[in-house]
Amino acid sequence: MTTSTRTANIPTVLLAVLGSLLAGVTVAAEPVPRTAPAKTATMTQEQLVQHQTQHADHLFVLDVRTPQEFAAGHVPGALNVPHDQLASRLAEVPRDKDVVLYCRSGRRSALAADVLAANGYSRVSHLEGDMNAWVERGRPIEKP
């Protein structure tokens, strides 16, 4: 592009920017990439029970509810790290195991999955139905 061509386009660009500003539209020099939340695989209750029986050494079950909820009953073998403490307690979550997350109904485990994904964890899944469904199905629970 020559200097005269570039100069000829300046008024057009300025008018477009000015028109956008007057219309209340924000103009960015480049598109801003958006980061979507990580899509977390789902593990059924049956799959979890099977993995706990056959591959317990490859599995890490993470309960991201409050300590009080955990104490009231949790999936056997689970460790409790509340979702709002997870970022500061990542050292407790092994990177060399399949991490299965759950909470009461799913919201907190989705937040925890995002924290893990942002910190390089790739072997993460979400327990289908969370604790509510676990209890409804009459599955065993542990209490400390």
N, C-alpha and C. Protein backbone atom coordinates (compact mmCIF):
# COMPACT_ATOMS: atom_id res chain seq x y z
N MET A 1 0.86 -1.17 0.00
CA MET A 1 0.00 0.00 0.00
C MET A 1 0.90 1.22 0.00
N THR A 2 0.61 2.16 -0.85
CA THR A 2 1.41 3.38 -0.92
C THR A 2 0.95 4.36 0.13
N THR A 3 1.79 5.38 0.35
CA THR A 3 1.46 6.40 1.35
C THR A 3 0.19 7.14 0.97
N SER A 4 0.00 7.45 -0.32
CA SER A 4 -1.19 8.19 -0.73
C SER A 4 -2.46 7.35 -0.54
N THR A 5 -2.36 6.03 -0.76
CA THR A 5 -3.53 5.17 -0.55
C THR A 5 -3.86 5.08 0.93
N ARG A 6 -2.81 4.93 1.77
CA ARG A 6 -3.02 4.85 3.21
C ARG A 6 -3.62 6.16 3.72
N THR A 7 -3.13 7.28 3.25
CA THR A 7 -3.63 8.58 3.67
C THR A 7 -5.07 8.79 3.24
N ALA A 8 -5.43 8.32 2.06
CA ALA A 8 -6.79 8.48 1.55
C ALA A 8 -7.78 7.70 2.41
N ASN A 9 -7.36 6.62 3.07
CA ASN A 9 -8.26 5.82 3.89
C ASN A 9 -8.44 6.36 5.30
N ILE A 10 -7.57 7.26 5.73
CA ILE A 10 -7.66 7.79 7.09
C ILE A 10 -9.00 8.46 7.36
N PRO A 11 -9.49 9.35 6.48
CA PRO A 11 -10.80 9.96 6.77
C PRO A 11 -11.92 8.92 6.87
N THR A 12 -11.87 7.89 6.04
CA THR A 12 -12.90 6.86 6.08
C THR A 12 -12.86 6.11 7.40
N VAL A 13 -11.66 5.76 7.85
CA VAL A 13 -11.50 5.05 9.11
C VAL A 13 -11.94 5.94 10.27
N LEU A 14 -11.54 7.21 10.25
CA LEU A 14 -11.92 8.12 11.32
C LEU A 14 -13.43 8.30 11.39
N LEU A 15 -14.07 8.40 10.24
CA LEU A 15 -15.53 8.53 10.22
C LEU A 15 -16.20 7.28 10.79
N ALA A 16 -15.66 6.11 10.45
CA ALA A 16 -16.24 4.86 10.95
C ALA A 16 -16.08 4.77 12.47
N VAL A 17 -14.90 5.13 12.97
CA VAL A 17 -14.67 5.09 14.42
C VAL A 17 -15.55 6.12 15.12
N LEU A 18 -15.58 7.34 14.58
CA LEU A 18 -16.40 8.39 15.19
C LEU A 18 -17.88 8.01 15.19
N GLY A 19 -18.36 7.44 14.09
CA GLY A 19 -19.75 7.01 14.02
C GLY A 19 -20.05 5.92 15.04
N SER A 20 -19.11 5.01 15.20
CA SER A 20 -19.30 3.92 16.17
C SER A 20 -19.33 4.46 17.59
N LEU A 21 -18.44 5.42 17.89
CA LEU A 21 -18.39 6.00 19.22
C LEU A 21 -19.67 6.77 19.53
N LEU A 22 -20.15 7.50 18.56
CA LEU A 22 -21.39 8.25 18.76
C LEU A 22 -22.58 7.31 18.94
N ALA A 23 -22.52 6.16 18.32
CA ALA A 23 -23.61 5.20 18.44
C ALA A 23 -23.49 4.36 19.71
N GLY A 24 -22.41 4.56 20.47
CA GLY A 24 -22.23 3.81 21.71
C GLY A 24 -21.60 2.45 21.51
N VAL A 25 -20.97 2.23 20.37
CA VAL A 25 -20.34 0.95 20.07
C VAL A 25 -18.86 1.06 20.38
N THR A 26 -18.32 0.06 21.04
CA THR A 26 -16.89 0.04 21.33
C THR A 26 -16.16 -0.54 20.14
N VAL A 27 -15.07 0.11 19.76
CA VAL A 27 -14.27 -0.34 18.63
C VAL A 27 -12.93 -0.81 19.16
N ALA A 28 -12.56 -2.03 18.82
CA ALA A 28 -11.27 -2.57 19.22
C ALA A 28 -10.39 -2.72 17.99
N ALA A 29 -9.09 -2.52 18.17
CA ALA A 29 -8.16 -2.65 17.07
C ALA A 29 -8.13 -4.09 16.56
N GLU A 30 -8.19 -5.05 17.46
CA GLU A 30 -8.21 -6.46 17.09
C GLU A 30 -9.30 -7.14 17.90
N PRO A 31 -9.86 -8.21 17.36
CA PRO A 31 -10.88 -8.93 18.14
C PRO A 31 -10.28 -9.45 19.44
N VAL A 32 -11.07 -9.39 20.49
CA VAL A 32 -10.63 -9.89 21.79
C VAL A 32 -11.05 -11.35 21.88
N PRO A 33 -10.06 -12.26 22.02
CA PRO A 33 -10.44 -13.67 22.12
C PRO A 33 -11.19 -13.95 23.40
N ARG A 34 -12.19 -14.78 23.32
CA ARG A 34 -12.97 -15.16 24.48
C ARG A 34 -12.58 -16.59 24.87
N THR A 35 -12.44 -16.81 26.15
CA THR A 35 -12.09 -18.13 26.64
C THR A 35 -13.35 -18.76 27.21
N ALA A 36 -13.74 -19.86 26.61
CA ALA A 36 -14.92 -20.57 27.09
C ALA A 36 -14.52 -21.44 28.27
N PRO A 37 -15.45 -21.68 29.18
CA PRO A 37 -15.15 -22.59 30.28
C PRO A 37 -14.77 -23.95 29.72
N ALA A 38 -13.89 -24.62 30.42
CA ALA A 38 -13.45 -25.93 29.99
C ALA A 38 -14.63 -26.90 29.99
N LYS A 39 -14.72 -27.72 28.96
CA LYS A 39 -15.75 -28.75 28.90
C LYS A 39 -15.20 -29.95 29.65
N THR A 40 -15.88 -30.35 30.69
CA THR A 40 -15.42 -31.44 31.53
C THR A 40 -16.19 -32.71 31.19
N ALA A 41 -15.46 -33.80 31.05
CA ALA A 41 -16.09 -35.09 30.78
C ALA A 41 -16.95 -35.49 31.98
N THR A 42 -17.94 -36.29 31.73
CA THR A 42 -18.82 -36.77 32.79
C THR A 42 -18.52 -38.24 33.06
N MET A 43 -18.47 -38.59 34.34
CA MET A 43 -18.33 -39.99 34.75
C MET A 43 -19.61 -40.40 35.43
N THR A 44 -20.20 -41.50 34.99
CA THR A 44 -21.42 -41.98 35.62
C THR A 44 -21.07 -42.58 36.98
N GLN A 45 -22.09 -42.73 37.80
CA GLN A 45 -21.89 -43.37 39.10
C GLN A 45 -21.39 -44.80 38.93
N GLU A 46 -21.94 -45.51 37.96
CA GLU A 46 -21.53 -46.88 37.71
C GLU A 46 -20.05 -46.94 37.30
N GLN A 47 -19.62 -46.00 36.44
CA GLN A 47 -18.22 -45.97 36.04
C GLN A 47 -17.32 -45.68 37.24
N LEU A 48 -17.74 -44.76 38.12
CA LEU A 48 -16.93 -44.45 39.28
C LEU A 48 -16.79 -45.68 40.18
N VAL A 49 -17.88 -46.36 40.45
CA VAL A 49 -17.82 -47.55 41.30
C VAL A 49 -16.90 -48.59 40.67
N GLN A 50 -17.00 -48.76 39.37
CA GLN A 50 -16.15 -49.73 38.67
C GLN A 50 -14.68 -49.33 38.76
N HIS A 51 -14.40 -48.05 38.53
CA HIS A 51 -13.00 -47.57 38.63
C HIS A 51 -12.47 -47.71 40.05
N GLN A 52 -13.31 -47.42 41.04
CA GLN A 52 -12.87 -47.56 42.43
C GLN A 52 -12.53 -49.02 42.75
N THR A 53 -13.25 -49.94 42.15
CA THR A 53 -13.03 -51.36 42.39
C THR A 53 -11.80 -51.88 41.63
N GLN A 54 -11.67 -51.46 40.37
CA GLN A 54 -10.63 -52.03 39.51
C GLN A 54 -9.38 -51.18 39.37
N HIS A 55 -9.49 -49.87 39.49
CA HIS A 55 -8.36 -48.98 39.21
C HIS A 55 -8.21 -47.89 40.26
N ALA A 56 -8.41 -48.22 41.51
CA ALA A 56 -8.39 -47.21 42.57
C ALA A 56 -7.07 -46.43 42.61
N ASP A 57 -5.97 -47.06 42.22
CA ASP A 57 -4.67 -46.38 42.27
C ASP A 57 -4.51 -45.32 41.18
N HIS A 58 -5.40 -45.31 40.19
CA HIS A 58 -5.36 -44.32 39.11
C HIS A 58 -6.40 -43.23 39.31
N LEU A 59 -7.11 -43.28 40.43
CA LEU A 59 -8.29 -42.42 40.62
C LEU A 59 -8.12 -41.52 41.83
N PHE A 60 -8.62 -40.29 41.70
CA PHE A 60 -8.62 -39.35 42.81
C PHE A 60 -10.00 -38.69 42.84
N VAL A 61 -10.79 -38.99 43.85
CA VAL A 61 -12.15 -38.44 43.97
C VAL A 61 -12.08 -37.20 44.84
N LEU A 62 -12.54 -36.07 44.29
CA LEU A 62 -12.43 -34.78 44.96
C LEU A 62 -13.80 -34.19 45.23
N ASP A 63 -14.11 -34.05 46.51
CA ASP A 63 -15.36 -33.44 46.97
C ASP A 63 -15.07 -31.96 47.19
N VAL A 64 -15.76 -31.10 46.46
CA VAL A 64 -15.48 -29.65 46.56
C VAL A 64 -16.55 -28.91 47.36
N ARG A 65 -17.29 -29.64 48.19
CA ARG A 65 -18.28 -29.02 49.07
C ARG A 65 -17.59 -28.47 50.31
N THR A 66 -18.37 -27.91 51.20
CA THR A 66 -17.82 -27.38 52.46
C THR A 66 -17.40 -28.53 53.37
N PRO A 67 -16.52 -28.26 54.33
CA PRO A 67 -16.14 -29.31 55.29
C PRO A 67 -17.35 -29.86 56.06
N GLN A 68 -18.33 -29.02 56.34
CA GLN A 68 -19.52 -29.48 57.05
C GLN A 68 -20.33 -30.46 56.20
N GLU A 69 -20.48 -30.15 54.92
CA GLU A 69 -21.20 -31.06 54.02
C GLU A 69 -20.44 -32.39 53.90
N PHE A 70 -19.12 -32.30 53.78
CA PHE A 70 -18.27 -33.49 53.67
C PHE A 70 -18.42 -34.37 54.90
N ALA A 71 -18.42 -33.75 56.08
CA ALA A 71 -18.53 -34.49 57.34
C ALA A 71 -19.89 -35.18 57.48
N ALA A 72 -20.92 -34.62 56.85
CA ALA A 72 -22.25 -35.22 56.92
C ALA A 72 -22.35 -36.49 56.08
N GLY A 73 -21.40 -36.70 55.18
CA GLY A 73 -21.37 -37.90 54.35
C GLY A 73 -20.80 -37.58 52.98
N HIS A 74 -19.93 -38.47 52.50
CA HIS A 74 -19.28 -38.25 51.21
C HIS A 74 -19.06 -39.57 50.49
N VAL A 75 -18.72 -39.47 49.21
CA VAL A 75 -18.41 -40.65 48.41
C VAL A 75 -17.20 -41.34 49.04
N PRO A 76 -17.24 -42.64 49.23
CA PRO A 76 -16.12 -43.35 49.83
C PRO A 76 -14.79 -43.06 49.10
N GLY A 77 -13.78 -42.76 49.92
CA GLY A 77 -12.45 -42.51 49.37
C GLY A 77 -12.19 -41.09 48.91
N ALA A 78 -13.18 -40.21 49.00
CA ALA A 78 -13.03 -38.84 48.52
C ALA A 78 -12.20 -38.00 49.48
N LEU A 79 -11.51 -37.02 48.91
CA LEU A 79 -10.80 -36.01 49.69
C LEU A 79 -11.58 -34.71 49.56
N ASN A 80 -11.62 -33.93 50.63
CA ASN A 80 -12.37 -32.67 50.62
C ASN A 80 -11.44 -31.48 50.47
N VAL A 81 -11.64 -30.73 49.39
CA VAL A 81 -11.01 -29.42 49.19
C VAL A 81 -12.13 -28.52 48.68
N PRO A 82 -12.66 -27.63 49.53
CA PRO A 82 -13.74 -26.76 49.08
C PRO A 82 -13.36 -25.98 47.82
N HIS A 83 -14.34 -25.79 46.94
CA HIS A 83 -14.06 -25.17 45.64
C HIS A 83 -13.38 -23.81 45.78
N ASP A 84 -13.73 -23.05 46.81
CA ASP A 84 -13.15 -21.71 46.96
C ASP A 84 -11.75 -21.74 47.57
N GLN A 85 -11.24 -22.91 47.91
CA GLN A 85 -9.87 -23.06 48.40
C GLN A 85 -8.98 -23.81 47.42
N LEU A 86 -9.57 -24.32 46.36
CA LEU A 86 -8.86 -25.21 45.45
C LEU A 86 -7.62 -24.56 44.83
N ALA A 87 -7.72 -23.33 44.39
CA ALA A 87 -6.58 -22.67 43.73
C ALA A 87 -5.36 -22.60 44.65
N SER A 88 -5.58 -22.45 45.95
CA SER A 88 -4.46 -22.36 46.88
C SER A 88 -4.04 -23.73 47.44
N ARG A 89 -4.77 -24.78 47.06
CA ARG A 89 -4.45 -26.12 47.58
C ARG A 89 -4.22 -27.13 46.46
N LEU A 90 -3.79 -26.65 45.32
CA LEU A 90 -3.58 -27.54 44.16
C LEU A 90 -2.57 -28.65 44.43
N ALA A 91 -1.63 -28.41 45.33
CA ALA A 91 -0.62 -29.42 45.65
C ALA A 91 -1.25 -30.70 46.20
N GLU A 92 -2.46 -30.61 46.71
CA GLU A 92 -3.15 -31.78 47.26
C GLU A 92 -3.82 -32.63 46.18
N VAL A 93 -3.88 -32.09 44.96
CA VAL A 93 -4.55 -32.79 43.87
C VAL A 93 -3.49 -33.34 42.91
N PRO A 94 -3.38 -34.65 42.83
CA PRO A 94 -2.33 -35.23 41.98
C PRO A 94 -2.58 -34.99 40.50
N ARG A 95 -1.51 -34.77 39.78
CA ARG A 95 -1.61 -34.57 38.33
C ARG A 95 -1.52 -35.88 37.57
N ASP A 96 -1.10 -36.95 38.24
CA ASP A 96 -0.89 -38.22 37.56
C ASP A 96 -2.05 -39.20 37.76
N LYS A 97 -3.20 -38.70 38.21
CA LYS A 97 -4.37 -39.55 38.40
C LYS A 97 -5.58 -38.93 37.70
N ASP A 98 -6.59 -39.75 37.50
CA ASP A 98 -7.86 -39.25 36.96
C ASP A 98 -8.62 -38.62 38.12
N VAL A 99 -8.90 -37.33 38.01
CA VAL A 99 -9.58 -36.59 39.06
C VAL A 99 -11.08 -36.56 38.75
N VAL A 100 -11.88 -37.03 39.71
CA VAL A 100 -13.33 -37.01 39.56
C VAL A 100 -13.87 -36.03 40.59
N LEU A 101 -14.53 -34.99 40.11
CA LEU A 101 -15.07 -33.92 40.96
C LEU A 101 -16.55 -34.12 41.24
N TYR A 102 -16.97 -33.71 42.42
CA TYR A 102 -18.40 -33.63 42.68
C TYR A 102 -18.65 -32.61 43.80
N CYS A 103 -19.89 -32.12 43.83
CA CYS A 103 -20.34 -31.25 44.91
C CYS A 103 -21.76 -31.71 45.26
N ARG A 104 -22.63 -30.82 45.63
CA ARG A 104 -24.00 -31.22 45.96
C ARG A 104 -24.83 -31.37 44.70
N SER A 105 -24.75 -30.34 43.81
CA SER A 105 -25.62 -30.37 42.64
C SER A 105 -24.92 -30.06 41.31
N GLY A 106 -23.65 -29.63 41.34
CA GLY A 106 -22.92 -29.43 40.09
C GLY A 106 -22.28 -28.07 39.88
N ARG A 107 -22.80 -27.02 40.50
CA ARG A 107 -22.27 -25.68 40.26
C ARG A 107 -20.83 -25.54 40.75
N ARG A 108 -20.57 -25.94 41.96
CA ARG A 108 -19.22 -25.79 42.52
C ARG A 108 -18.21 -26.70 41.83
N SER A 109 -18.64 -27.89 41.42
CA SER A 109 -17.70 -28.76 40.72
C SER A 109 -17.34 -28.19 39.35
N ALA A 110 -18.26 -27.48 38.71
CA ALA A 110 -17.94 -26.82 37.43
C ALA A 110 -16.92 -25.71 37.65
N LEU A 111 -17.06 -24.95 38.73
CA LEU A 111 -16.07 -23.91 39.05
C LEU A 111 -14.71 -24.55 39.35
N ALA A 112 -14.72 -25.65 40.07
CA ALA A 112 -13.47 -26.35 40.39
C ALA A 112 -12.82 -26.90 39.13
N ALA A 113 -13.62 -27.41 38.22
CA ALA A 113 -13.08 -27.93 36.95
C ALA A 113 -12.37 -26.83 36.18
N ASP A 114 -12.94 -25.63 36.19
CA ASP A 114 -12.31 -24.50 35.51
C ASP A 114 -10.97 -24.16 36.16
N VAL A 115 -10.90 -24.21 37.49
CA VAL A 115 -9.64 -23.93 38.20
C VAL A 115 -8.59 -24.97 37.81
N LEU A 116 -8.98 -26.23 37.81
CA LEU A 116 -8.04 -27.29 37.46
C LEU A 116 -7.57 -27.16 36.01
N ALA A 117 -8.49 -26.91 35.10
CA ALA A 117 -8.12 -26.76 33.69
C ALA A 117 -7.16 -25.58 33.50
N ALA A 118 -7.43 -24.48 34.19
CA ALA A 118 -6.57 -23.30 34.08
C ALA A 118 -5.17 -23.55 34.62
N ASN A 119 -5.04 -24.59 35.44
CA ASN A 119 -3.75 -24.92 36.03
C ASN A 119 -3.13 -26.18 35.41
N GLY A 120 -3.60 -26.54 34.23
CA GLY A 120 -2.96 -27.60 33.46
C GLY A 120 -3.44 -29.01 33.71
N TYR A 121 -4.48 -29.19 34.50
CA TYR A 121 -5.01 -30.54 34.72
C TYR A 121 -5.85 -30.93 33.51
N SER A 122 -5.58 -32.10 32.97
CA SER A 122 -6.33 -32.53 31.79
C SER A 122 -7.13 -33.81 32.04
N ARG A 123 -6.85 -34.52 33.09
CA ARG A 123 -7.55 -35.78 33.40
C ARG A 123 -8.61 -35.53 34.46
N VAL A 124 -9.61 -34.71 34.10
CA VAL A 124 -10.64 -34.29 35.05
C VAL A 124 -12.01 -34.69 34.51
N SER A 125 -12.83 -35.26 35.38
CA SER A 125 -14.21 -35.55 35.01
C SER A 125 -15.12 -35.16 36.16
N HIS A 126 -16.40 -35.09 35.84
CA HIS A 126 -17.41 -34.65 36.80
C HIS A 126 -18.34 -35.83 37.07
N LEU A 127 -18.60 -36.10 38.33
CA LEU A 127 -19.50 -37.20 38.70
C LEU A 127 -20.93 -36.82 38.35
N GLU A 128 -21.52 -37.59 37.48
CA GLU A 128 -22.87 -37.34 37.02
C GLU A 128 -23.85 -37.34 38.20
N GLY A 129 -24.62 -36.27 38.33
CA GLY A 129 -25.63 -36.17 39.38
C GLY A 129 -25.13 -35.70 40.73
N ASP A 130 -23.81 -35.64 40.88
CA ASP A 130 -23.19 -35.16 42.12
C ASP A 130 -23.71 -35.93 43.34
N MET A 131 -23.56 -35.34 44.52
CA MET A 131 -23.90 -36.02 45.77
C MET A 131 -25.40 -36.27 45.90
N ASN A 132 -26.20 -35.33 45.38
CA ASN A 132 -27.65 -35.52 45.46
C ASN A 132 -28.06 -36.85 44.82
N ALA A 133 -27.58 -37.11 43.63
CA ALA A 133 -27.94 -38.35 42.93
C ALA A 133 -27.31 -39.56 43.59
N TRP A 134 -26.10 -39.40 44.12
CA TRP A 134 -25.42 -40.50 44.80
C TRP A 134 -26.28 -41.00 45.97
N VAL A 135 -26.78 -40.07 46.76
CA VAL A 135 -27.62 -40.41 47.91
C VAL A 135 -28.96 -40.98 47.45
N GLU A 136 -29.58 -40.35 46.44
CA GLU A 136 -30.87 -40.82 45.93
C GLU A 136 -30.80 -42.26 45.43
N ARG A 137 -29.65 -42.64 44.88
CA ARG A 137 -29.48 -44.00 44.36
C ARG A 137 -29.13 -45.00 45.46
N GLY A 138 -29.01 -44.53 46.69
CA GLY A 138 -28.71 -45.42 47.80
C GLY A 138 -27.26 -45.93 47.83
N ARG A 139 -26.39 -45.17 47.21
CA ARG A 139 -24.96 -45.55 47.20
C ARG A 139 -24.38 -45.38 48.59
N PRO A 140 -23.30 -46.12 48.89
CA PRO A 140 -22.69 -46.00 50.23
C PRO A 140 -22.04 -44.63 50.42
N ILE A 141 -22.08 -44.15 51.65
CA ILE A 141 -21.40 -42.91 51.99
C ILE A 141 -20.48 -43.17 53.17
N GLU A 142 -19.43 -42.36 53.26
CA GLU A 142 -18.52 -42.43 54.39
C GLU A 142 -18.71 -41.18 55.23
N LYS A 143 -18.44 -41.33 56.51
CA LYS A 143 -18.42 -40.19 57.43
C LYS A 143 -17.11 -40.29 58.20
N PRO A 144 -16.49 -39.11 58.44
CA PRO A 144 -15.21 -39.17 59.18
C PRO A 144 -15.35 -39.69 60.59
